């Protein structure tokens, strides 16, 4: 949560927060806080105000292998959502998915109730990479690799940032590849491949920033982040300090 929200929960006034911030008496893991809006997690970090440690406020972090046919949303009138896949003991109404996957796209999805984290992982200024495994209904070639490197431009003039395309196998009827990009525009991956003349028939996100899809996690299943993965979350918190 935001540092100022945490301090408000501890009954610290706004005036006291600002004064302590200027005096460098708000510490996060022993270092002076840079701004009241920074995101913190007292379950992963030690936060002190005027030398007093603030109590832990636990956030939840899950890694899901999203199946096709499920909507990345908290609620949907007609279709099952990723929240419907959560066990009742794990669900709370503050949980949300970081970023969206199309209904027919599978793979890595992070779910949390740490409100500001999604902004930090998705905002262009933080340059978080996303990698997808893709199958298409035609031939991919070195020319397509170069087109992705240069940045695909759609017919409506929309420009995509350069992306890395790695072809795994290719034939006139079927090709498979991995594509890594930093953007996340609506249906972007599918549109990028359509622009080079092939249609995506299978799409799965395998990496999101420094997180990797767990190969032992079945489609539709999820688990809490491991200790190592929680350290990755802490690193993202520190990036915006």
C-alpha atoms as a PDB file:
ATOM      1  CA  UNK A   1       0.000   0.000   0.000  1.00  0.00           C
ATOM      2  CA  UNK A   2       1.004   3.641  -0.264  1.00  0.00           C
ATOM      3  CA  UNK A   3       3.206   4.874   2.533  1.00  0.00           C
ATOM      4  CA  UNK A   4       0.829   7.703   3.434  1.00  0.00           C
ATOM      5  CA  UNK A   5      -2.083   5.254   3.684  1.00  0.00           C
ATOM      6  CA  UNK A   6      -0.031   3.039   5.994  1.00  0.00           C
ATOM      7  CA  UNK A   7       0.865   6.006   8.204  1.00  0.00           C
ATOM      8  CA  UNK A   8      -2.737   7.192   8.272  1.00  0.00           C
ATOM      9  CA  UNK A   9      -3.779   3.747   9.520  1.00  0.00           C
ATOM     10  CA  UNK A  10      -1.252   4.262  12.332  1.00  0.00           C
ATOM     11  CA  UNK A  11      -3.050   7.565  13.163  1.00  0.00           C
ATOM     12  CA  UNK A  12      -0.234   9.802  11.911  1.00  0.00           C
ATOM     13  CA  UNK A  13      -1.482  13.192  10.688  1.00  0.00           C
ATOM     14  CA  UNK A  14      -0.622  14.501   7.235  1.00  0.00           C
ATOM     15  CA  UNK A  15       1.347  17.344   8.803  1.00  0.00           C
ATOM     16  CA  UNK A  16       3.391  14.888  10.878  1.00  0.00           C
ATOM     17  CA  UNK A  17       4.059  12.737   7.812  1.00  0.00           C
ATOM     18  CA  UNK A  18       5.396  15.661   5.782  1.00  0.00           C
ATOM     19  CA  UNK A  19       7.589  16.891   8.624  1.00  0.00           C
ATOM     20  CA  UNK A  20       9.044  13.434   9.265  1.00  0.00           C
ATOM     21  CA  UNK A  21       9.648  12.909   5.545  1.00  0.00           C
ATOM     22  CA  UNK A  22      11.638  16.153   5.321  1.00  0.00           C
ATOM     23  CA  UNK A  23      13.587  15.224   8.450  1.00  0.00           C
ATOM     24  CA  UNK A  24      14.295  11.758   6.979  1.00  0.00           C
ATOM     25  CA  UNK A  25      12.650  10.099   9.944  1.00  0.00           C
ATOM     26  CA  UNK A  26      10.528   7.718   7.896  1.00  0.00           C
ATOM     27  CA  UNK A  27      12.712   4.738   7.022  1.00  0.00           C
ATOM     28  CA  UNK A  28      12.044   1.821   4.677  1.00  0.00           C
ATOM     29  CA  UNK A  29      14.504  -1.006   5.299  1.00  0.00           C
ATOM     30  CA  UNK A  30      16.800   1.494   6.977  1.00  0.00           C
ATOM     31  CA  UNK A  31      16.782   4.055   4.147  1.00  0.00           C
ATOM     32  CA  UNK A  32      14.907   7.389   4.221  1.00  0.00           C
ATOM     33  CA  UNK A  33      11.604   7.333   2.337  1.00  0.00           C
ATOM     34  CA  UNK A  34      11.654   9.515  -0.784  1.00  0.00           C
ATOM     35  CA  UNK A  35       7.950  10.289  -1.050  1.00  0.00           C
ATOM     36  CA  UNK A  36       4.703   9.606   0.761  1.00  0.00           C
ATOM     37  CA  UNK A  37       3.173   8.061  -2.355  1.00  0.00           C
ATOM     38  CA  UNK A  38       5.711   5.240  -2.619  1.00  0.00           C
ATOM     39  CA  UNK A  39       4.423   1.697  -2.354  1.00  0.00           C
ATOM     40  CA  UNK A  40       5.447  -0.368   0.665  1.00  0.00           C
ATOM     41  CA  UNK A  41       4.646  -3.764   2.125  1.00  0.00           C
ATOM     42  CA  UNK A  42       5.353  -4.100   5.851  1.00  0.00           C
ATOM     43  CA  UNK A  43       5.261  -7.873   5.517  1.00  0.00           C
ATOM     44  CA  UNK A  44       8.293  -7.668   3.198  1.00  0.00           C
ATOM     45  CA  UNK A  45       9.920  -4.442   4.427  1.00  0.00           C
ATOM     46  CA  UNK A  46      10.682  -2.833   7.779  1.00  0.00           C
ATOM     47  CA  UNK A  47       9.029   0.584   7.913  1.00  0.00           C
ATOM     48  CA  UNK A  48       9.701   2.908  10.839  1.00  0.00           C
ATOM     49  CA  UNK A  49       8.240   6.298  11.754  1.00  0.00           C
ATOM     50  CA  UNK A  50      10.204   8.399  14.248  1.00  0.00           C
ATOM     51  CA  UNK A  51      12.195   5.255  15.195  1.00  0.00           C
ATOM     52  CA  UNK A  52       8.989   3.274  15.838  1.00  0.00           C
ATOM     53  CA  UNK A  53       8.406   0.167  13.751  1.00  0.00           C
ATOM     54  CA  UNK A  54       5.012   0.082  12.064  1.00  0.00           C
ATOM     55  CA  UNK A  55       3.004  -3.142  12.392  1.00  0.00           C
ATOM     56  CA  UNK A  56       2.778  -5.539   9.483  1.00  0.00           C
ATOM     57  CA  UNK A  57      -0.161  -5.179   7.127  1.00  0.00           C
ATOM     58  CA  UNK A  58      -0.165  -8.360   5.100  1.00  0.00           C
ATOM     59  CA  UNK A  59      -0.721  -8.294   1.348  1.00  0.00           C
ATOM     60  CA  UNK A  60      -1.446 -11.385  -0.723  1.00  0.00           C
ATOM     61  CA  UNK A  61       0.334 -12.368  -3.938  1.00  0.00           C
ATOM     62  CA  UNK A  62      -0.648 -15.260  -6.199  1.00  0.00           C
ATOM     63  CA  UNK A  63       0.744 -16.622  -9.458  1.00  0.00           C
ATOM     64  CA  UNK A  64      -1.928 -18.176 -11.690  1.00  0.00           C
ATOM     65  CA  UNK A  65      -1.744 -20.217 -14.870  1.00  0.00           C
ATOM     66  CA  UNK A  66      -4.792 -18.724 -16.538  1.00  0.00           C
ATOM     67  CA  UNK A  67      -6.750 -21.077 -18.802  1.00  0.00           C
ATOM     68  CA  UNK A  68      -8.449 -20.093 -22.037  1.00  0.00           C
ATOM     69  CA  UNK A  69     -12.112 -19.156 -21.782  1.00  0.00           C
ATOM     70  CA  UNK A  70     -11.759 -17.213 -18.539  1.00  0.00           C
ATOM     71  CA  UNK A  71     -12.058 -13.421 -18.341  1.00  0.00           C
ATOM     72  CA  UNK A  72      -9.405 -11.337 -16.597  1.00  0.00           C
ATOM     73  CA  UNK A  73     -11.844  -9.389 -14.451  1.00  0.00           C
ATOM     74  CA  UNK A  74     -13.260  -9.397 -10.944  1.00  0.00           C
ATOM     75  CA  UNK A  75     -16.841  -9.886 -12.146  1.00  0.00           C
ATOM     76  CA  UNK A  76     -18.594 -10.700 -15.397  1.00  0.00           C
ATOM     77  CA  UNK A  77     -22.300 -11.206 -15.967  1.00  0.00           C
ATOM     78  CA  UNK A  78     -21.934 -14.034 -18.477  1.00  0.00           C
ATOM     79  CA  UNK A  79     -18.457 -15.531 -18.354  1.00  0.00           C
ATOM     80  CA  UNK A  80     -16.268 -17.126 -15.635  1.00  0.00           C
ATOM     81  CA  UNK A  81     -13.508 -14.880 -14.316  1.00  0.00           C
ATOM     82  CA  UNK A  82     -10.065 -15.499 -12.865  1.00  0.00           C
ATOM     83  CA  UNK A  83     -11.495 -14.605  -9.442  1.00  0.00           C
ATOM     84  CA  UNK A  84     -13.921 -17.516  -9.759  1.00  0.00           C
ATOM     85  CA  UNK A  85     -10.874 -19.812  -9.828  1.00  0.00           C
ATOM     86  CA  UNK A  86      -9.760 -18.713  -6.351  1.00  0.00           C
ATOM     87  CA  UNK A  87     -10.600 -20.827  -3.342  1.00  0.00           C
ATOM     88  CA  UNK A  88     -12.906 -19.088  -0.830  1.00  0.00           C
ATOM     89  CA  UNK A  89     -10.147 -19.094   1.798  1.00  0.00           C
ATOM     90  CA  UNK A  90      -7.866 -17.110  -0.545  1.00  0.00           C
ATOM     91  CA  UNK A  91     -10.395 -14.616  -1.875  1.00  0.00           C
ATOM     92  CA  UNK A  92     -10.912 -11.061  -0.658  1.00  0.00           C
ATOM     93  CA  UNK A  93     -12.626  -8.166  -2.414  1.00  0.00           C
ATOM     94  CA  UNK A  94      -9.374  -6.176  -2.713  1.00  0.00           C
ATOM     95  CA  UNK A  95      -7.727  -8.713  -5.029  1.00  0.00           C
ATOM     96  CA  UNK A  96      -7.190  -7.843  -8.681  1.00  0.00           C
ATOM     97  CA  UNK A  97      -5.189  -9.146 -11.632  1.00  0.00           C
ATOM     98  CA  UNK A  98      -2.119  -7.164 -12.673  1.00  0.00           C
ATOM     99  CA  UNK A  99      -2.687  -6.547 -16.349  1.00  0.00           C
ATOM    100  CA  UNK A 100      -5.117  -8.316 -18.623  1.00  0.00           C
ATOM    101  CA  UNK A 101      -4.970 -11.448 -20.727  1.00  0.00           C
ATOM    102  CA  UNK A 102      -7.533 -11.928 -23.486  1.00  0.00           C
ATOM    103  CA  UNK A 103     -10.224 -14.505 -22.762  1.00  0.00           C
ATOM    104  CA  UNK A 104      -8.606 -17.035 -25.115  1.00  0.00           C
ATOM    105  CA  UNK A 105      -5.036 -16.317 -23.946  1.00  0.00           C
ATOM    106  CA  UNK A 106      -3.407 -18.626 -21.420  1.00  0.00           C
ATOM    107  CA  UNK A 107      -0.536 -18.286 -19.027  1.00  0.00           C
ATOM    108  CA  UNK A 108       1.089 -16.257 -16.322  1.00  0.00           C
ATOM    109  CA  UNK A 109      -1.113 -13.887 -14.345  1.00  0.00           C
ATOM    110  CA  UNK A 110      -0.242 -12.155 -11.083  1.00  0.00           C
ATOM    111  CA  UNK A 111      -3.050 -11.497  -8.617  1.00  0.00           C
ATOM    112  CA  UNK A 112      -2.650  -9.282  -5.544  1.00  0.00           C
ATOM    113  CA  UNK A 113      -4.405  -6.931  -3.143  1.00  0.00           C
ATOM    114  CA  UNK A 114      -1.414  -4.546  -3.111  1.00  0.00           C
ATOM    115  CA  UNK A 115      -3.179  -1.712  -4.909  1.00  0.00           C
ATOM    116  CA  UNK A 116      -0.293   0.377  -6.335  1.00  0.00           C
ATOM    117  CA  UNK A 117       1.783  -2.609  -7.478  1.00  0.00           C
ATOM    118  CA  UNK A 118      -0.083  -2.990 -10.750  1.00  0.00           C
ATOM    119  CA  UNK A 119       0.773   0.579 -11.719  1.00  0.00           C
ATOM    120  CA  UNK A 120       4.442  -0.070 -10.993  1.00  0.00           C
ATOM    121  CA  UNK A 121       4.536  -3.233 -13.074  1.00  0.00           C
ATOM    122  CA  UNK A 122       2.503  -1.891 -15.993  1.00  0.00           C
ATOM    123  CA  UNK A 123       3.561   1.735 -16.386  1.00  0.00           C
ATOM    124  CA  UNK A 124       5.798   2.273 -19.457  1.00  0.00           C
ATOM    125  CA  UNK A 125       8.405   4.149 -17.410  1.00  0.00           C
ATOM    126  CA  UNK A 126       9.367   0.921 -15.626  1.00  0.00           C
ATOM    127  CA  UNK A 127       9.991  -1.033 -18.870  1.00  0.00           C
ATOM    128  CA  UNK A 128       8.635  -4.363 -17.630  1.00  0.00           C
ATOM    129  CA  UNK A 129       9.013  -7.034 -20.319  1.00  0.00           C
ATOM    130  CA  UNK A 130       6.362  -9.634 -21.145  1.00  0.00           C
ATOM    131  CA  UNK A 131       7.072 -12.806 -23.140  1.00  0.00           C
ATOM    132  CA  UNK A 132       4.513 -14.947 -24.964  1.00  0.00           C
ATOM    133  CA  UNK A 133       4.714 -18.351 -26.622  1.00  0.00           C
ATOM    134  CA  UNK A 134       2.815 -18.114 -29.918  1.00  0.00           C
ATOM    135  CA  UNK A 135       1.596 -20.509 -32.592  1.00  0.00           C
ATOM    136  CA  UNK A 136       0.388 -19.160 -35.933  1.00  0.00           C
ATOM    137  CA  UNK A 137      -1.224 -20.619 -39.053  1.00  0.00           C
ATOM    138  CA  UNK A 138       1.529 -19.806 -41.529  1.00  0.00           C
ATOM    139  CA  UNK A 139       5.190 -19.201 -42.209  1.00  0.00           C
ATOM    140  CA  UNK A 140       7.363 -16.938 -40.041  1.00  0.00           C
ATOM    141  CA  UNK A 141      10.686 -15.792 -41.472  1.00  0.00           C
ATOM    142  CA  UNK A 142      13.738 -13.665 -40.732  1.00  0.00           C
ATOM    143  CA  UNK A 143      11.933 -10.792 -42.443  1.00  0.00           C
ATOM    144  CA  UNK A 144       9.288 -10.941 -39.714  1.00  0.00           C
ATOM    145  CA  UNK A 145      11.989 -10.949 -37.018  1.00  0.00           C
ATOM    146  CA  UNK A 146      13.352  -7.739 -38.534  1.00  0.00           C
ATOM    147  CA  UNK A 147       9.882  -6.187 -38.771  1.00  0.00           C
ATOM    148  CA  UNK A 148       9.297  -6.835 -35.061  1.00  0.00           C
ATOM    149  CA  UNK A 149      12.715  -5.390 -34.221  1.00  0.00           C
ATOM    150  CA  UNK A 150      11.914  -2.205 -36.141  1.00  0.00           C
ATOM    151  CA  UNK A 151       8.495  -1.827 -34.490  1.00  0.00           C
ATOM    152  CA  UNK A 152       5.286  -2.952 -36.162  1.00  0.00           C
ATOM    153  CA  UNK A 153       3.024  -0.192 -37.513  1.00  0.00           C
ATOM    154  CA  UNK A 154      -0.673  -1.060 -37.853  1.00  0.00           C
ATOM    155  CA  UNK A 155      -2.802   0.099 -40.796  1.00  0.00           C
ATOM    156  CA  UNK A 156      -4.458   2.767 -38.647  1.00  0.00           C
ATOM    157  CA  UNK A 157      -1.024   4.309 -38.022  1.00  0.00           C
ATOM    158  CA  UNK A 158      -0.570   2.955 -34.488  1.00  0.00           C
ATOM    159  CA  UNK A 159       3.119   2.247 -33.848  1.00  0.00           C
ATOM    160  CA  UNK A 160       4.384  -0.535 -31.599  1.00  0.00           C
ATOM    161  CA  UNK A 161       7.659  -0.373 -29.768  1.00  0.00           C
ATOM    162  CA  UNK A 162      10.395  -2.738 -31.009  1.00  0.00           C
ATOM    163  CA  UNK A 163       9.824  -6.341 -29.957  1.00  0.00           C
ATOM    164  CA  UNK A 164      11.994  -9.450 -29.979  1.00  0.00           C
ATOM    165  CA  UNK A 165      10.711 -12.349 -32.082  1.00  0.00           C
ATOM    166  CA  UNK A 166      12.402 -15.749 -31.733  1.00  0.00           C
ATOM    167  CA  UNK A 167      11.193 -18.401 -34.186  1.00  0.00           C
ATOM    168  CA  UNK A 168      11.170 -21.977 -32.850  1.00  0.00           C
ATOM    169  CA  UNK A 169       9.967 -23.775 -35.971  1.00  0.00           C
ATOM    170  CA  UNK A 170       8.400 -22.660 -39.222  1.00  0.00           C
ATOM    171  CA  UNK A 171       6.493 -24.124 -42.141  1.00  0.00           C
ATOM    172  CA  UNK A 172       3.920 -22.885 -44.631  1.00  0.00           C
ATOM    173  CA  UNK A 173       1.094 -24.260 -42.483  1.00  0.00           C
ATOM    174  CA  UNK A 174       2.309 -23.706 -38.927  1.00  0.00           C
ATOM    175  CA  UNK A 175       4.987 -21.807 -37.050  1.00  0.00           C
ATOM    176  CA  UNK A 176       5.798 -21.353 -33.363  1.00  0.00           C
ATOM    177  CA  UNK A 177       7.747 -18.554 -31.750  1.00  0.00           C
ATOM    178  CA  UNK A 178       8.292 -16.460 -28.647  1.00  0.00           C
ATOM    179  CA  UNK A 179       7.762 -12.722 -28.652  1.00  0.00           C
ATOM    180  CA  UNK A 180       8.968 -10.303 -25.977  1.00  0.00           C
ATOM    181  CA  UNK A 181       7.600  -6.782 -25.713  1.00  0.00           C
ATOM    182  CA  UNK A 182       7.216  -3.979 -23.202  1.00  0.00           C
ATOM    183  CA  UNK A 183       3.802  -2.698 -24.255  1.00  0.00           C
ATOM    184  CA  UNK A 184       0.421  -4.216 -23.533  1.00  0.00           C
ATOM    185  CA  UNK A 185      -2.106  -2.627 -25.874  1.00  0.00           C
ATOM    186  CA  UNK A 186      -5.452  -4.294 -26.557  1.00  0.00           C
ATOM    187  CA  UNK A 187      -4.928  -7.485 -28.617  1.00  0.00           C
ATOM    188  CA  UNK A 188      -1.475  -6.177 -29.488  1.00  0.00           C
ATOM    189  CA  UNK A 189       0.290  -9.514 -29.956  1.00  0.00           C
ATOM    190  CA  UNK A 190      -2.442 -10.858 -32.232  1.00  0.00           C
ATOM    191  CA  UNK A 191      -2.492  -7.660 -34.278  1.00  0.00           C
ATOM    192  CA  UNK A 192       1.299  -7.688 -34.648  1.00  0.00           C
ATOM    193  CA  UNK A 193       1.237 -11.136 -36.212  1.00  0.00           C
ATOM    194  CA  UNK A 194      -1.742 -10.265 -38.416  1.00  0.00           C
ATOM    195  CA  UNK A 195       0.314  -7.350 -39.721  1.00  0.00           C
ATOM    196  CA  UNK A 196       2.915  -9.810 -41.067  1.00  0.00           C
ATOM    197  CA  UNK A 197       0.263 -12.024 -42.637  1.00  0.00           C
ATOM    198  CA  UNK A 198      -0.383 -14.816 -40.115  1.00  0.00           C
ATOM    199  CA  UNK A 199      -3.093 -15.480 -37.527  1.00  0.00           C
ATOM    200  CA  UNK A 200      -2.401 -16.463 -33.915  1.00  0.00           C
ATOM    201  CA  UNK A 201      -3.935 -19.856 -33.102  1.00  0.00           C
ATOM    202  CA  UNK A 202      -2.430 -20.314 -29.627  1.00  0.00           C
ATOM    203  CA  UNK A 203      -1.127 -17.713 -27.201  1.00  0.00           C
ATOM    204  CA  UNK A 204       0.373 -18.164 -23.745  1.00  0.00           C
ATOM    205  CA  UNK A 205       2.224 -15.669 -21.568  1.00  0.00           C
ATOM    206  CA  UNK A 206       5.325 -17.314 -20.116  1.00  0.00           C
ATOM    207  CA  UNK A 207       7.127 -14.373 -18.467  1.00  0.00           C
ATOM    208  CA  UNK A 208       6.045 -11.136 -16.821  1.00  0.00           C
ATOM    209  CA  UNK A 209       8.981  -8.989 -15.788  1.00  0.00           C
ATOM    210  CA  UNK A 210      11.199 -11.237 -13.672  1.00  0.00           C
ATOM    211  CA  UNK A 211       8.381 -13.735 -13.015  1.00  0.00           C
ATOM    212  CA  UNK A 212       8.237 -17.033 -14.917  1.00  0.00           C
ATOM    213  CA  UNK A 213       5.260 -19.317 -15.438  1.00  0.00           C
ATOM    214  CA  UNK A 214       5.619 -22.352 -13.176  1.00  0.00           C
ATOM    215  CA  UNK A 215       5.819 -25.439 -15.452  1.00  0.00           C
ATOM    216  CA  UNK A 216       4.310 -27.571 -12.671  1.00  0.00           C
ATOM    217  CA  UNK A 217       1.246 -25.340 -12.358  1.00  0.00           C
ATOM    218  CA  UNK A 218      -1.706 -26.782 -14.253  1.00  0.00           C
ATOM    219  CA  UNK A 219      -3.961 -24.517 -16.291  1.00  0.00           C
ATOM    220  CA  UNK A 220      -6.575 -23.017 -14.008  1.00  0.00           C
ATOM    221  CA  UNK A 221      -4.490 -23.523 -10.889  1.00  0.00           C
ATOM    222  CA  UNK A 222      -2.581 -20.962  -8.834  1.00  0.00           C
ATOM    223  CA  UNK A 223      -0.323 -20.719  -5.789  1.00  0.00           C
ATOM    224  CA  UNK A 224       1.101 -18.099  -3.417  1.00  0.00           C
ATOM    225  CA  UNK A 225       4.404 -16.610  -4.497  1.00  0.00           C
ATOM    226  CA  UNK A 226       7.483 -18.401  -3.216  1.00  0.00           C
ATOM    227  CA  UNK A 227       9.999 -16.705  -0.925  1.00  0.00           C
ATOM    228  CA  UNK A 228      12.226 -16.062  -3.933  1.00  0.00           C
ATOM    229  CA  UNK A 229       9.333 -14.528  -5.880  1.00  0.00           C
ATOM    230  CA  UNK A 230       8.368 -12.354  -2.905  1.00  0.00           C
ATOM    231  CA  UNK A 231      11.896 -10.956  -3.012  1.00  0.00           C
ATOM    232  CA  UNK A 232      11.207 -10.007  -6.629  1.00  0.00           C
ATOM    233  CA  UNK A 233       8.117  -8.119  -5.454  1.00  0.00           C
ATOM    234  CA  UNK A 234      10.276  -6.332  -2.898  1.00  0.00           C
ATOM    235  CA  UNK A 235      12.695  -5.332  -5.661  1.00  0.00           C
ATOM    236  CA  UNK A 236       9.823  -3.727  -7.603  1.00  0.00           C
ATOM    237  CA  UNK A 237       8.774  -1.810  -4.496  1.00  0.00           C
ATOM    238  CA  UNK A 238      12.324  -0.525  -4.107  1.00  0.00           C
ATOM    239  CA  UNK A 239      12.490   0.625  -7.750  1.00  0.00           C
ATOM    240  CA  UNK A 240       9.947   3.327  -7.038  1.00  0.00           C
ATOM    241  CA  UNK A 241      11.263   4.445  -3.670  1.00  0.00           C
END
